[in-house]
Amino acid sequence: MKYVLLIYLEENALNDTEREQCYADSAQLAQQLNSNGQYLATAPLHPVATATSVRVREGKSFVTDGPFAETREQLGGFFLIEAADLDEAIAIAAQIPGAKVGTVEIRPVIEVVGLPA
């Protein structure tokens, strides 16, 4: 089953040196998951100040700067993995460097027929 592991943390939780180490550690984890056949994708996200939100109401698009919700912790990145079950996804989530300073939310992915591979 596919799971997305959403990494939430305060944007200032890491200094530049710590952030670069987090990226290196995440790349190492991605390599490990890839060798196990569990890696599908991963990426850090630019700061929330670069976000744009789109809402469509009554056929009209509304575009605003910034994230959907104002919260202390922001979505900072994700891993998309293949795991046998939730327990295996939890074990992988615990290895994500961002889990040490933030929260990793685990969500099963719905397989939709007709999407590109």
PDB file of N, CA and C in Angstrom:
ATOM      1  N   MET A   1       0.840  -1.175   0.000  1.00  0.00           N
ATOM      2  CA  MET A   1       0.000   0.000   0.000  1.00  0.00           C
ATOM      3  C   MET A   1       0.889   1.243   0.000  1.00  0.00           C
ATOM      4  N   LYS A   2       0.423   2.280  -0.678  1.00  0.00           N
ATOM      5  CA  LYS A   2       1.176   3.529  -0.702  1.00  0.00           C
ATOM      6  C   LYS A   2       0.741   4.412   0.463  1.00  0.00           C
ATOM      7  N   TYR A   3       1.729   5.070   1.050  1.00  0.00           N
ATOM      8  CA  TYR A   3       1.488   6.030   2.129  1.00  0.00           C
ATOM      9  C   TYR A   3       2.245   7.311   1.810  1.00  0.00           C
ATOM     10  N   VAL A   4       1.637   8.442   2.145  1.00  0.00           N
ATOM     11  CA  VAL A   4       2.360   9.707   2.096  1.00  0.00           C
ATOM     12  C   VAL A   4       2.668  10.084   3.541  1.00  0.00           C
ATOM     13  N   LEU A   5       3.915  10.447   3.767  1.00  0.00           N
ATOM     14  CA  LEU A   5       4.373  10.847   5.094  1.00  0.00           C
ATOM     15  C   LEU A   5       4.605  12.350   5.028  1.00  0.00           C
ATOM     16  N   LEU A   6       3.703  13.106   5.625  1.00  0.00           N
ATOM     17  CA  LEU A   6       3.735  14.566   5.568  1.00  0.00           C
ATOM     18  C   LEU A   6       4.511  15.099   6.764  1.00  0.00           C
ATOM     19  N   ILE A   7       5.519  15.901   6.492  1.00  0.00           N
ATOM     20  CA  ILE A   7       6.425  16.376   7.537  1.00  0.00           C
ATOM     21  C   ILE A   7       6.051  17.805   7.907  1.00  0.00           C
ATOM     22  N   TYR A   8       5.602  18.001   9.137  1.00  0.00           N
ATOM     23  CA  TYR A   8       5.218  19.317   9.641  1.00  0.00           C
ATOM     24  C   TYR A   8       6.219  19.770  10.691  1.00  0.00           C
ATOM     25  N   LEU A   9       6.647  21.019  10.595  1.00  0.00           N
ATOM     26  CA  LEU A   9       7.532  21.578  11.606  1.00  0.00           C
ATOM     27  C   LEU A   9       7.474  23.094  11.534  1.00  0.00           C
ATOM     28  N   GLU A  10       7.906  23.724  12.601  1.00  0.00           N
ATOM     29  CA  GLU A  10       8.019  25.175  12.582  1.00  0.00           C
ATOM     30  C   GLU A  10       9.141  25.539  11.620  1.00  0.00           C
ATOM     31  N   GLU A  11       8.901  26.543  10.796  1.00  0.00           N
ATOM     32  CA  GLU A  11       9.880  26.880   9.765  1.00  0.00           C
ATOM     33  C   GLU A  11      11.233  27.289  10.336  1.00  0.00           C
ATOM     34  N   ASN A  12      11.245  27.842  11.526  1.00  0.00           N
ATOM     35  CA  ASN A  12      12.516  28.265  12.130  1.00  0.00           C
ATOM     36  C   ASN A  12      13.053  27.221  13.112  1.00  0.00           C
ATOM     37  N   ALA A  13      12.551  25.983  13.031  1.00  0.00           N
ATOM     38  CA  ALA A  13      12.996  24.931  13.944  1.00  0.00           C
ATOM     39  C   ALA A  13      14.449  24.524  13.693  1.00  0.00           C
ATOM     40  N   LEU A  14      14.934  24.736  12.479  1.00  0.00           N
ATOM     41  CA  LEU A  14      16.291  24.345  12.124  1.00  0.00           C
ATOM     42  C   LEU A  14      17.055  25.552  11.591  1.00  0.00           C
ATOM     43  N   ASN A  15      18.316  25.679  11.981  1.00  0.00           N
ATOM     44  CA  ASN A  15      19.136  26.723  11.363  1.00  0.00           C
ATOM     45  C   ASN A  15      19.633  26.186  10.018  1.00  0.00           C
ATOM     46  N   ASP A  16      20.358  26.992   9.255  1.00  0.00           N
ATOM     47  CA  ASP A  16      20.793  26.590   7.910  1.00  0.00           C
ATOM     48  C   ASP A  16      21.637  25.322   7.926  1.00  0.00           C
ATOM     49  N   THR A  17      22.544  25.221   8.877  1.00  0.00           N
ATOM     50  CA  THR A  17      23.407  24.041   8.973  1.00  0.00           C
ATOM     51  C   THR A  17      22.584  22.802   9.299  1.00  0.00           C
ATOM     52  N   GLU A  18      21.666  22.926  10.252  1.00  0.00           N
ATOM     53  CA  GLU A  18      20.808  21.799  10.627  1.00  0.00           C
ATOM     54  C   GLU A  18      19.898  21.397   9.462  1.00  0.00           C
ATOM     55  N   ARG A  19      19.405  22.383   8.726  1.00  0.00           N
ATOM     56  CA  ARG A  19      18.530  22.098   7.582  1.00  0.00           C
ATOM     57  C   ARG A  19      19.295  21.314   6.510  1.00  0.00           C
ATOM     58  N   GLU A  20      20.519  21.733   6.203  1.00  0.00           N
ATOM     59  CA  GLU A  20      21.322  21.015   5.211  1.00  0.00           C
ATOM     60  C   GLU A  20      21.606  19.589   5.668  1.00  0.00           C
ATOM     61  N   GLN A  21      21.870  19.400   6.961  1.00  0.00           N
ATOM     62  CA  GLN A  21      22.086  18.055   7.492  1.00  0.00           C
ATOM     63  C   GLN A  21      20.797  17.229   7.391  1.00  0.00           C
ATOM     64  N   CYS A  22      19.675  17.859   7.648  1.00  0.00           N
ATOM     65  CA  CYS A  22      18.378  17.188   7.522  1.00  0.00           C
ATOM     66  C   CYS A  22      18.168  16.711   6.085  1.00  0.00           C
ATOM     67  N   TYR A  23      18.515  17.559   5.105  1.00  0.00           N
ATOM     68  CA  TYR A  23      18.395  17.169   3.696  1.00  0.00           C
ATOM     69  C   TYR A  23      19.312  15.983   3.391  1.00  0.00           C
ATOM     70  N   ALA A  24      20.538  16.028   3.879  1.00  0.00           N
ATOM     71  CA  ALA A  24      21.484  14.932   3.638  1.00  0.00           C
ATOM     72  C   ALA A  24      20.987  13.633   4.282  1.00  0.00           C
ATOM     73  N   ASP A  25      20.499  13.728   5.518  1.00  0.00           N
ATOM     74  CA  ASP A  25      19.978  12.546   6.211  1.00  0.00           C
ATOM     75  C   ASP A  25      18.737  12.003   5.504  1.00  0.00           C
ATOM     76  N   SER A  26      17.894  12.891   5.001  1.00  0.00           N
ATOM     77  CA  SER A  26      16.689  12.477   4.274  1.00  0.00           C
ATOM     78  C   SER A  26      17.060  11.783   2.971  1.00  0.00           C
ATOM     79  N   ALA A  27      18.077  12.298   2.281  1.00  0.00           N
ATOM     80  CA  ALA A  27      18.538  11.666   1.043  1.00  0.00           C
ATOM     81  C   ALA A  27      19.078  10.265   1.334  1.00  0.00           C
ATOM     82  N   GLN A  28      19.778  10.132   2.445  1.00  0.00           N
ATOM     83  CA  GLN A  28      20.301   8.816   2.834  1.00  0.00           C
ATOM     84  C   GLN A  28      19.151   7.854   3.121  1.00  0.00           C
ATOM     85  N   LEU A  29      18.121   8.323   3.824  1.00  0.00           N
ATOM     86  CA  LEU A  29      16.952   7.486   4.092  1.00  0.00           C
ATOM     87  C   LEU A  29      16.268   7.110   2.777  1.00  0.00           C
ATOM     88  N   ALA A  30      16.155   8.055   1.854  1.00  0.00           N
ATOM     89  CA  ALA A  30      15.542   7.770   0.554  1.00  0.00           C
ATOM     90  C   ALA A  30      16.319   6.687  -0.194  1.00  0.00           C
ATOM     91  N   GLN A  31      17.651   6.743  -0.123  1.00  0.00           N
ATOM     92  CA  GLN A  31      18.482   5.717  -0.770  1.00  0.00           C
ATOM     93  C   GLN A  31      18.228   4.340  -0.136  1.00  0.00           C
ATOM     94  N   GLN A  32      18.127   4.328   1.187  1.00  0.00           N
ATOM     95  CA  GLN A  32      17.855   3.071   1.908  1.00  0.00           C
ATOM     96  C   GLN A  32      16.488   2.511   1.509  1.00  0.00           C
ATOM     97  N   LEU A  33      15.471   3.378   1.488  1.00  0.00           N
ATOM     98  CA  LEU A  33      14.124   2.941   1.101  1.00  0.00           C
ATOM     99  C   LEU A  33      14.112   2.460  -0.346  1.00  0.00           C
ATOM    100  N   ASN A  34      14.867   3.136  -1.206  1.00  0.00           N
ATOM    101  CA  ASN A  34      14.941   2.742  -2.610  1.00  0.00           C
ATOM    102  C   ASN A  34      15.542   1.344  -2.757  1.00  0.00           C
ATOM    103  N   SER A  35      16.576   1.075  -1.991  1.00  0.00           N
ATOM    104  CA  SER A  35      17.206  -0.252  -2.074  1.00  0.00           C
ATOM    105  C   SER A  35      16.271  -1.346  -1.553  1.00  0.00           C
ATOM    106  N   ASN A  36      15.306  -0.971  -0.703  1.00  0.00           N
ATOM    107  CA  ASN A  36      14.309  -1.924  -0.189  1.00  0.00           C
ATOM    108  C   ASN A  36      13.068  -2.003  -1.067  1.00  0.00           C
ATOM    109  N   GLY A  37      13.023  -1.186  -2.138  1.00  0.00           N
ATOM    110  CA  GLY A  37      11.854  -1.165  -3.006  1.00  0.00           C
ATOM    111  C   GLY A  37      10.670  -0.408  -2.430  1.00  0.00           C
ATOM    112  N   GLN A  38      10.912   0.455  -1.435  1.00  0.00           N
ATOM    113  CA  GLN A  38       9.821   1.172  -0.768  1.00  0.00           C
ATOM    114  C   GLN A  38       9.736   2.643  -1.166  1.00  0.00           C
ATOM    115  N   TYR A  39      10.749   3.155  -1.832  1.00  0.00           N
ATOM    116  CA  TYR A  39      10.808   4.584  -2.166  1.00  0.00           C
ATOM    117  C   TYR A  39       9.999   4.877  -3.417  1.00  0.00           C
ATOM    118  N   LEU A  40       9.165   5.916  -3.349  1.00  0.00           N
ATOM    119  CA  LEU A  40       8.431   6.385  -4.521  1.00  0.00           C
ATOM    120  C   LEU A  40       8.790   7.834  -4.839  1.00  0.00           C
ATOM    121  N   ALA A  41       8.870   8.702  -3.815  1.00  0.00           N
ATOM    122  CA  ALA A  41       9.225  10.114  -4.037  1.00  0.00           C
ATOM    123  C   ALA A  41       9.451  10.785  -2.693  1.00  0.00           C
ATOM    124  N   THR A  42      10.196  11.886  -2.721  1.00  0.00           N
ATOM    125  CA  THR A  42      10.353  12.728  -1.544  1.00  0.00           C
ATOM    126  C   THR A  42      10.775  14.110  -2.002  1.00  0.00           C
ATOM    127  N   ALA A  43      10.447  15.124  -1.230  1.00  0.00           N
ATOM    128  CA  ALA A  43      10.900  16.481  -1.544  1.00  0.00           C
ATOM    129  C   ALA A  43      10.633  17.401  -0.367  1.00  0.00           C
ATOM    130  N   PRO A  44      11.595  18.291  -0.086  1.00  0.00           N
ATOM    131  CA  PRO A  44      11.312  19.375   0.854  1.00  0.00           C
ATOM    132  C   PRO A  44      10.560  20.468   0.094  1.00  0.00           C
ATOM    133  N   LEU A  45       9.876  21.307   0.832  1.00  0.00           N
ATOM    134  CA  LEU A  45       9.120  22.399   0.222  1.00  0.00           C
ATOM    135  C   LEU A  45       9.764  23.734   0.573  1.00  0.00           C
ATOM    136  N   HIS A  46       9.606  24.703  -0.327  1.00  0.00           N
ATOM    137  CA  HIS A  46      10.065  26.060  -0.040  1.00  0.00           C
ATOM    138  C   HIS A  46       9.246  26.621   1.120  1.00  0.00           C
ATOM    139  N   PRO A  47       9.717  27.687   1.775  1.00  0.00           N
ATOM    140  CA  PRO A  47       8.992  28.262   2.921  1.00  0.00           C
ATOM    141  C   PRO A  47       7.548  28.630   2.581  1.00  0.00           C
ATOM    142  N   VAL A  48       6.728  28.647   3.601  1.00  0.00           N
ATOM    143  CA  VAL A  48       5.297  28.912   3.438  1.00  0.00           C
ATOM    144  C   VAL A  48       5.036  30.296   2.829  1.00  0.00           C
ATOM    145  N   ALA A  49       5.968  31.209   2.970  1.00  0.00           N
ATOM    146  CA  ALA A  49       5.805  32.545   2.374  1.00  0.00           C
ATOM    147  C   ALA A  49       5.723  32.472   0.854  1.00  0.00           C
ATOM    148  N   THR A  50       6.187  31.381   0.255  1.00  0.00           N
ATOM    149  CA  THR A  50       6.129  31.229  -1.197  1.00  0.00           C
ATOM    150  C   THR A  50       4.834  30.560  -1.655  1.00  0.00           C
ATOM    151  N   ALA A  51       3.983  30.177  -0.727  1.00  0.00           N
ATOM    152  CA  ALA A  51       2.756  29.442  -1.056  1.00  0.00           C
ATOM    153  C   ALA A  51       1.710  30.347  -1.705  1.00  0.00           C
ATOM    154  N   THR A  52       0.917  29.732  -2.544  1.00  0.00           N
ATOM    155  CA  THR A  52      -0.250  30.363  -3.142  1.00  0.00           C
ATOM    156  C   THR A  52      -1.409  29.391  -2.963  1.00  0.00           C
ATOM    157  N   SER A  53      -2.548  29.892  -2.528  1.00  0.00           N
ATOM    158  CA  SER A  53      -3.723  29.047  -2.324  1.00  0.00           C
ATOM    159  C   SER A  53      -4.794  29.397  -3.354  1.00  0.00           C
ATOM    160  N   VAL A  54      -5.459  28.363  -3.873  1.00  0.00           N
ATOM    161  CA  VAL A  54      -6.532  28.548  -4.857  1.00  0.00           C
ATOM    162  C   VAL A  54      -7.800  27.921  -4.303  1.00  0.00           C
ATOM    163  N   ARG A  55      -8.881  28.681  -4.373  1.00  0.00           N
ATOM    164  CA  ARG A  55     -10.195  28.183  -3.987  1.00  0.00           C
ATOM    165  C   ARG A  55     -11.142  28.493  -5.134  1.00  0.00           C
ATOM    166  N   VAL A  56     -12.024  27.552  -5.456  1.00  0.00           N
ATOM    167  CA  VAL A  56     -13.031  27.790  -6.484  1.00  0.00           C
ATOM    168  C   VAL A  56     -14.389  27.761  -5.805  1.00  0.00           C
ATOM    169  N   ARG A  57     -15.111  28.855  -5.931  1.00  0.00           N
ATOM    170  CA  ARG A  57     -16.450  28.975  -5.342  1.00  0.00           C
ATOM    171  C   ARG A  57     -17.394  29.499  -6.418  1.00  0.00           C
ATOM    172  N   GLU A  58     -18.470  28.749  -6.628  1.00  0.00           N
ATOM    173  CA  GLU A  58     -19.478  29.139  -7.618  1.00  0.00           C
ATOM    174  C   GLU A  58     -18.848  29.434  -8.976  1.00  0.00           C
ATOM    175  N   GLY A  59     -17.878  28.586  -9.354  1.00  0.00           N
ATOM    176  CA  GLY A  59     -17.241  28.704 -10.654  1.00  0.00           C
ATOM    177  C   GLY A  59     -16.172  29.770 -10.772  1.00  0.00           C
ATOM    178  N   LYS A  60     -15.891  30.498  -9.706  1.00  0.00           N
ATOM    179  CA  LYS A  60     -14.869  31.545  -9.743  1.00  0.00           C
ATOM    180  C   LYS A  60     -13.661  31.118  -8.921  1.00  0.00           C
ATOM    181  N   SER A  61     -12.474  31.365  -9.484  1.00  0.00           N
ATOM    182  CA  SER A  61     -11.231  31.056  -8.777  1.00  0.00           C
ATOM    183  C   SER A  61     -10.805  32.237  -7.926  1.00  0.00           C
ATOM    184  N   PHE A  62     -10.420  31.955  -6.699  1.00  0.00           N
ATOM    185  CA  PHE A  62      -9.882  32.952  -5.787  1.00  0.00           C
ATOM    186  C   PHE A  62      -8.464  32.538  -5.438  1.00  0.00           C
ATOM    187  N   VAL A  63      -7.515  33.400  -5.732  1.00  0.00           N
ATOM    188  CA  VAL A  63      -6.108  33.110  -5.502  1.00  0.00           C
ATOM    189  C   VAL A  63      -5.607  34.043  -4.406  1.00  0.00           C
ATOM    190  N   THR A  64      -4.977  33.459  -3.378  1.00  0.00           N
ATOM    191  CA  THR A  64      -4.422  34.262  -2.294  1.00  0.00           C
ATOM    192  C   THR A  64      -2.996  33.824  -2.018  1.00  0.00           C
ATOM    193  N   ASP A  65      -2.204  34.748  -1.542  1.00  0.00           N
ATOM    194  CA  ASP A  65      -0.845  34.425  -1.129  1.00  0.00           C
ATOM    195  C   ASP A  65      -0.899  33.714   0.208  1.00  0.00           C
ATOM    196  N   GLY A  66       0.038  32.803   0.399  1.00  0.00           N
ATOM    197  CA  GLY A  66       0.165  32.149   1.693  1.00  0.00           C
ATOM    198  C   GLY A  66      -0.533  30.813   1.761  1.00  0.00           C
ATOM    199  N   PRO A  67      -0.395  30.162   2.906  1.00  0.00           N
ATOM    200  CA  PRO A  67      -0.943  28.820   3.092  1.00  0.00           C
ATOM    201  C   PRO A  67      -2.443  28.867   3.335  1.00  0.00           C
ATOM    202  N   PHE A  68      -3.045  27.692   3.308  1.00  0.00           N
ATOM    203  CA  PHE A  68      -4.479  27.569   3.550  1.00  0.00           C
ATOM    204  C   PHE A  68      -4.841  27.966   4.973  1.00  0.00           C
ATOM    205  N   ALA A  69      -4.006  27.578   5.939  1.00  0.00           N
ATOM    206  CA  ALA A  69      -4.312  27.842   7.345  1.00  0.00           C
ATOM    207  C   ALA A  69      -3.081  28.418   8.043  1.00  0.00           C
ATOM    208  N   GLU A  70      -3.324  29.295   8.980  1.00  0.00           N
ATOM    209  CA  GLU A  70      -2.245  29.843   9.799  1.00  0.00           C
ATOM    210  C   GLU A  70      -2.043  28.922  10.999  1.00  0.00           C
ATOM    211  N   THR A  71      -0.897  28.274  11.057  1.00  0.00           N
ATOM    212  CA  THR A  71      -0.569  27.388  12.168  1.00  0.00           C
ATOM    213  C   THR A  71       0.902  27.549  12.511  1.00  0.00           C
ATOM    214  N   ARG A  72       1.290  27.092  13.689  1.00  0.00           N
ATOM    215  CA  ARG A  72       2.705  27.150  14.073  1.00  0.00           C
ATOM    216  C   ARG A  72       3.536  26.220  13.208  1.00  0.00           C
ATOM    217  N   GLU A  73       3.071  24.997  13.045  1.00  0.00           N
ATOM    218  CA  GLU A  73       3.797  24.041  12.230  1.00  0.00           C
ATOM    219  C   GLU A  73       3.265  24.091  10.806  1.00  0.00           C
ATOM    220  N   GLN A  74       4.175  24.086   9.831  1.00  0.00           N
ATOM    221  CA  GLN A  74       3.824  24.139   8.422  1.00  0.00           C
ATOM    222  C   GLN A  74       4.270  22.859   7.739  1.00  0.00           C
ATOM    223  N   LEU A  75       3.623  22.539   6.630  1.00  0.00           N
ATOM    224  CA  LEU A  75       4.050  21.396   5.830  1.00  0.00           C
ATOM    225  C   LEU A  75       5.399  21.720   5.229  1.00  0.00           C
ATOM    226  N   GLY A  76       6.415  20.937   5.595  1.00  0.00           N
ATOM    227  CA  GLY A  76       7.773  21.217   5.156  1.00  0.00           C
ATOM    228  C   GLY A  76       8.274  20.284   4.073  1.00  0.00           C
ATOM    229  N   GLY A  77       7.613  19.156   3.878  1.00  0.00           N
ATOM    230  CA  GLY A  77       8.037  18.202   2.868  1.00  0.00           C
ATOM    231  C   GLY A  77       7.264  16.906   3.012  1.00  0.00           C
ATOM    232  N   PHE A  78       7.648  15.939   2.202  1.00  0.00           N
ATOM    233  CA  PHE A  78       6.924  14.670   2.223  1.00  0.00           C
ATOM    234  C   PHE A  78       7.811  13.537   1.736  1.00  0.00           C
ATOM    235  N   PHE A  79       7.428  12.336   2.100  1.00  0.00           N
ATOM    236  CA  PHE A  79       7.922  11.102   1.508  1.00  0.00           C
ATOM    237  C   PHE A  79       6.703  10.369   0.986  1.00  0.00           C
ATOM    238  N   LEU A  80       6.793   9.779  -0.185  1.00  0.00           N
ATOM    239  CA  LEU A  80       5.775   8.878  -0.707  1.00  0.00           C
ATOM    240  C   LEU A  80       6.426   7.511  -0.744  1.00  0.00           C
ATOM    241  N   ILE A  81       5.840   6.574  -0.014  1.00  0.00           N
ATOM    242  CA  ILE A  81       6.478   5.265   0.162  1.00  0.00           C
ATOM    243  C   ILE A  81       5.508   4.133  -0.157  1.00  0.00           C
ATOM    244  N   GLU A  82       6.066   2.961  -0.298  1.00  0.00           N
ATOM    245  CA  GLU A  82       5.314   1.722  -0.392  1.00  0.00           C
ATOM    246  C   GLU A  82       5.600   0.961   0.896  1.00  0.00           C
ATOM    247  N   ALA A  83       4.558   0.567   1.612  1.00  0.00           N
ATOM    248  CA  ALA A  83       4.731  -0.168   2.867  1.00  0.00           C
ATOM    249  C   ALA A  83       3.689  -1.276   2.944  1.00  0.00           C
ATOM    250  N   ALA A  84       4.037  -2.349   3.609  1.00  0.00           N
ATOM    251  CA  ALA A  84       3.133  -3.488   3.726  1.00  0.00           C
ATOM    252  C   ALA A  84       1.878  -3.133   4.520  1.00  0.00           C
ATOM    253  N   ASP A  85       2.057  -2.279   5.544  1.00  0.00           N
ATOM    254  CA  ASP A  85       0.933  -1.923   6.400  1.00  0.00           C
ATOM    255  C   ASP A  85       1.286  -0.666   7.195  1.00  0.00           C
ATOM    256  N   LEU A  86       0.350  -0.222   8.016  1.00  0.00           N
ATOM    257  CA  LEU A  86       0.543   0.991   8.806  1.00  0.00           C
ATOM    258  C   LEU A  86       1.738   0.865   9.749  1.00  0.00           C
ATOM    259  N   ASP A  87       1.923  -0.306  10.352  1.00  0.00           N
ATOM    260  CA  ASP A  87       3.053  -0.483  11.261  1.00  0.00           C
ATOM    261  C   ASP A  87       4.388  -0.240  10.554  1.00  0.00           C
ATOM    262  N   GLU A  88       4.523  -0.740   9.335  1.00  0.00           N
ATOM    263  CA  GLU A  88       5.749  -0.521   8.580  1.00  0.00           C
ATOM    264  C   GLU A  88       5.898   0.961   8.215  1.00  0.00           C
ATOM    265  N   ALA A  89       4.786   1.625   7.860  1.00  0.00           N
ATOM    266  CA  ALA A  89       4.820   3.062   7.557  1.00  0.00           C
ATOM    267  C   ALA A  89       5.231   3.868   8.789  1.00  0.00           C
ATOM    268  N   ILE A  90       4.751   3.474   9.960  1.00  0.00           N
ATOM    269  CA  ILE A  90       5.125   4.146  11.208  1.00  0.00           C
ATOM    270  C   ILE A  90       6.627   3.994  11.466  1.00  0.00           C
ATOM    271  N   ALA A  91       7.147   2.803  11.236  1.00  0.00           N
ATOM    272  CA  ALA A  91       8.580   2.567  11.448  1.00  0.00           C
ATOM    273  C   ALA A  91       9.421   3.434  10.521  1.00  0.00           C
ATOM    274  N   ILE A  92       8.974   3.613   9.285  1.00  0.00           N
ATOM    275  CA  ILE A  92       9.692   4.470   8.337  1.00  0.00           C
ATOM    276  C   ILE A  92       9.563   5.925   8.751  1.00  0.00           C
ATOM    277  N   ALA A  93       8.360   6.354   9.126  1.00  0.00           N
ATOM    278  CA  ALA A  93       8.134   7.743   9.546  1.00  0.00           C
ATOM    279  C   ALA A  93       9.036   8.120  10.714  1.00  0.00           C
ATOM    280  N   ALA A  94       9.273   7.180  11.607  1.00  0.00           N
ATOM    281  CA  ALA A  94      10.121   7.442  12.779  1.00  0.00           C
ATOM    282  C   ALA A  94      11.573   7.689  12.388  1.00  0.00           C
ATOM    283  N   GLN A  95      11.964   7.280  11.175  1.00  0.00           N
ATOM    284  CA  GLN A  95      13.335   7.479  10.710  1.00  0.00           C
ATOM    285  C   GLN A  95      13.529   8.820   9.998  1.00  0.00           C
ATOM    286  N   ILE A  96      12.450   9.505   9.687  1.00  0.00           N
ATOM    287  CA  ILE A  96      12.545  10.779   8.972  1.00  0.00           C
ATOM    288  C   ILE A  96      13.144  11.825   9.909  1.00  0.00           C
ATOM    289  N   PRO A  97      14.218  12.497   9.483  1.00  0.00           N
ATOM    290  CA  PRO A  97      14.872  13.475  10.356  1.00  0.00           C
ATOM    291  C   PRO A  97      13.928  14.550  10.903  1.00  0.00           C
ATOM    292  N   GLY A  98      12.955  14.984  10.119  1.00  0.00           N
ATOM    293  CA  GLY A  98      12.014  16.010  10.572  1.00  0.00           C
ATOM    294  C   GLY A  98      11.160  15.581  11.744  1.00  0.00           C
ATOM    295  N   ALA A  99      11.035  14.279  11.969  1.00  0.00           N
ATOM    296  CA  ALA A  99      10.253  13.783  13.105  1.00  0.00           C
ATOM    297  C   ALA A  99      10.888  14.163  14.435  1.00  0.00           C
ATOM    298  N   LYS A 100      12.186  14.463  14.411  1.00  0.00           N
ATOM    299  CA  LYS A 100      12.891  14.825  15.650  1.00  0.00           C
ATOM    300  C   LYS A 100      12.558  16.240  16.115  1.00  0.00           C
ATOM    301  N   VAL A 101      12.087  17.092  15.201  1.00  0.00           N
ATOM    302  CA  VAL A 101      11.778  18.486  15.568  1.00  0.00           C
ATOM    303  C   VAL A 101      10.347  18.875  15.234  1.00  0.00           C
ATOM    304  N   GLY A 102       9.623  17.974  14.593  1.00  0.00           N
ATOM    305  CA  GLY A 102       8.248  18.278  14.195  1.00  0.00           C
ATOM    306  C   GLY A 102       7.385  17.036  14.294  1.00  0.00           C
ATOM    307  N   THR A 103       6.435  16.922  13.386  1.00  0.00           N
ATOM    308  CA  THR A 103       5.470  15.827  13.374  1.00  0.00           C
ATOM    309  C   THR A 103       5.410  15.246  11.973  1.00  0.00           C
ATOM    310  N   VAL A 104       5.319  13.933  11.878  1.00  0.00           N
ATOM    311  CA  VAL A 104       5.111  13.283  10.588  1.00  0.00           C
ATOM    312  C   VAL A 104       3.714  12.668  10.600  1.00  0.00           C
ATOM    313  N   GLU A 105       2.869  13.142   9.702  1.00  0.00           N
ATOM    314  CA  GLU A 105       1.507  12.622   9.559  1.00  0.00           C
ATOM    315  C   GLU A 105       1.536  11.541   8.482  1.00  0.00           C
ATOM    316  N   ILE A 106       0.952  10.392   8.778  1.00  0.00           N
ATOM    317  CA  ILE A 106       0.919   9.266   7.849  1.00  0.00           C
ATOM    318  C   ILE A 106      -0.491   9.160   7.279  1.00  0.00           C
ATOM    319  N   ARG A 107      -0.557   9.175   5.940  1.00  0.00           N
ATOM    320  CA  ARG A 107      -1.866   9.065   5.292  1.00  0.00           C
ATOM    321  C   ARG A 107      -1.798   8.014   4.192  1.00  0.00           C
ATOM    322  N   PRO A 108      -2.706   7.030   4.215  1.00  0.00           N
ATOM    323  CA  PRO A 108      -2.763   6.078   3.113  1.00  0.00           C
ATOM    324  C   PRO A 108      -3.205   6.807   1.842  1.00  0.00           C
ATOM    325  N   VAL A 109      -2.675   6.364   0.707  1.00  0.00           N
ATOM    326  CA  VAL A 109      -2.985   6.975  -0.579  1.00  0.00           C
ATOM    327  C   VAL A 109      -4.068   6.153  -1.268  1.00  0.00           C
ATOM    328  N   ILE A 110      -5.064   6.823  -1.792  1.00  0.00           N
ATOM    329  CA  ILE A 110      -6.128   6.147  -2.555  1.00  0.00           C
ATOM    330  C   ILE A 110      -5.624   5.937  -3.970  1.00  0.00           C
ATOM    331  N   GLU A 111      -5.677   4.701  -4.426  1.00  0.00           N
ATOM    332  CA  GLU A 111      -5.293   4.369  -5.796  1.00  0.00           C
ATOM    333  C   GLU A 111      -6.484   4.673  -6.713  1.00  0.00           C
ATOM    334  N   VAL A 112      -6.340   5.621  -7.609  1.00  0.00           N
ATOM    335  CA  VAL A 112      -7.405   6.015  -8.525  1.00  0.00           C
ATOM    336  C   VAL A 112      -7.094   5.453  -9.910  1.00  0.00           C
ATOM    337  N   VAL A 113      -8.007   4.700 -10.464  1.00  0.00           N
ATOM    338  CA  VAL A 113      -7.844   4.115 -11.800  1.00  0.00           C
ATOM    339  C   VAL A 113      -7.839   5.243 -12.834  1.00  0.00           C
ATOM    340  N   GLY A 114      -6.933   5.139 -13.806  1.00  0.00           N
ATOM    341  CA  GLY A 114      -6.902   6.101 -14.903  1.00  0.00           C
ATOM    342  C   GLY A 114      -5.850   7.179 -14.758  1.00  0.00           C
ATOM    343  N   LEU A 115      -5.170   7.243 -13.607  1.00  0.00           N
ATOM    344  CA  LEU A 115      -4.095   8.231 -13.438  1.00  0.00           C
ATOM    345  C   LEU A 115      -2.830   7.749 -14.144  1.00  0.00           C
ATOM    346  N   PRO A 116      -1.975   8.664 -14.608  1.00  0.00           N
ATOM    347  CA  PRO A 116      -0.720   8.221 -15.225  1.00  0.00           C
ATOM    348  C   PRO A 116       0.141   7.484 -14.206  1.00  0.00           C
ATOM    349  N   ALA A 117       0.925   6.547 -14.708  1.00  0.00           N
ATOM    350  CA  ALA A 117       1.798   5.775 -13.833  1.00  0.00           C
ATOM    351  C   ALA A 117       2.940   6.620 -13.332  1.00  0.00           C
TER     352      ALA A 117
END
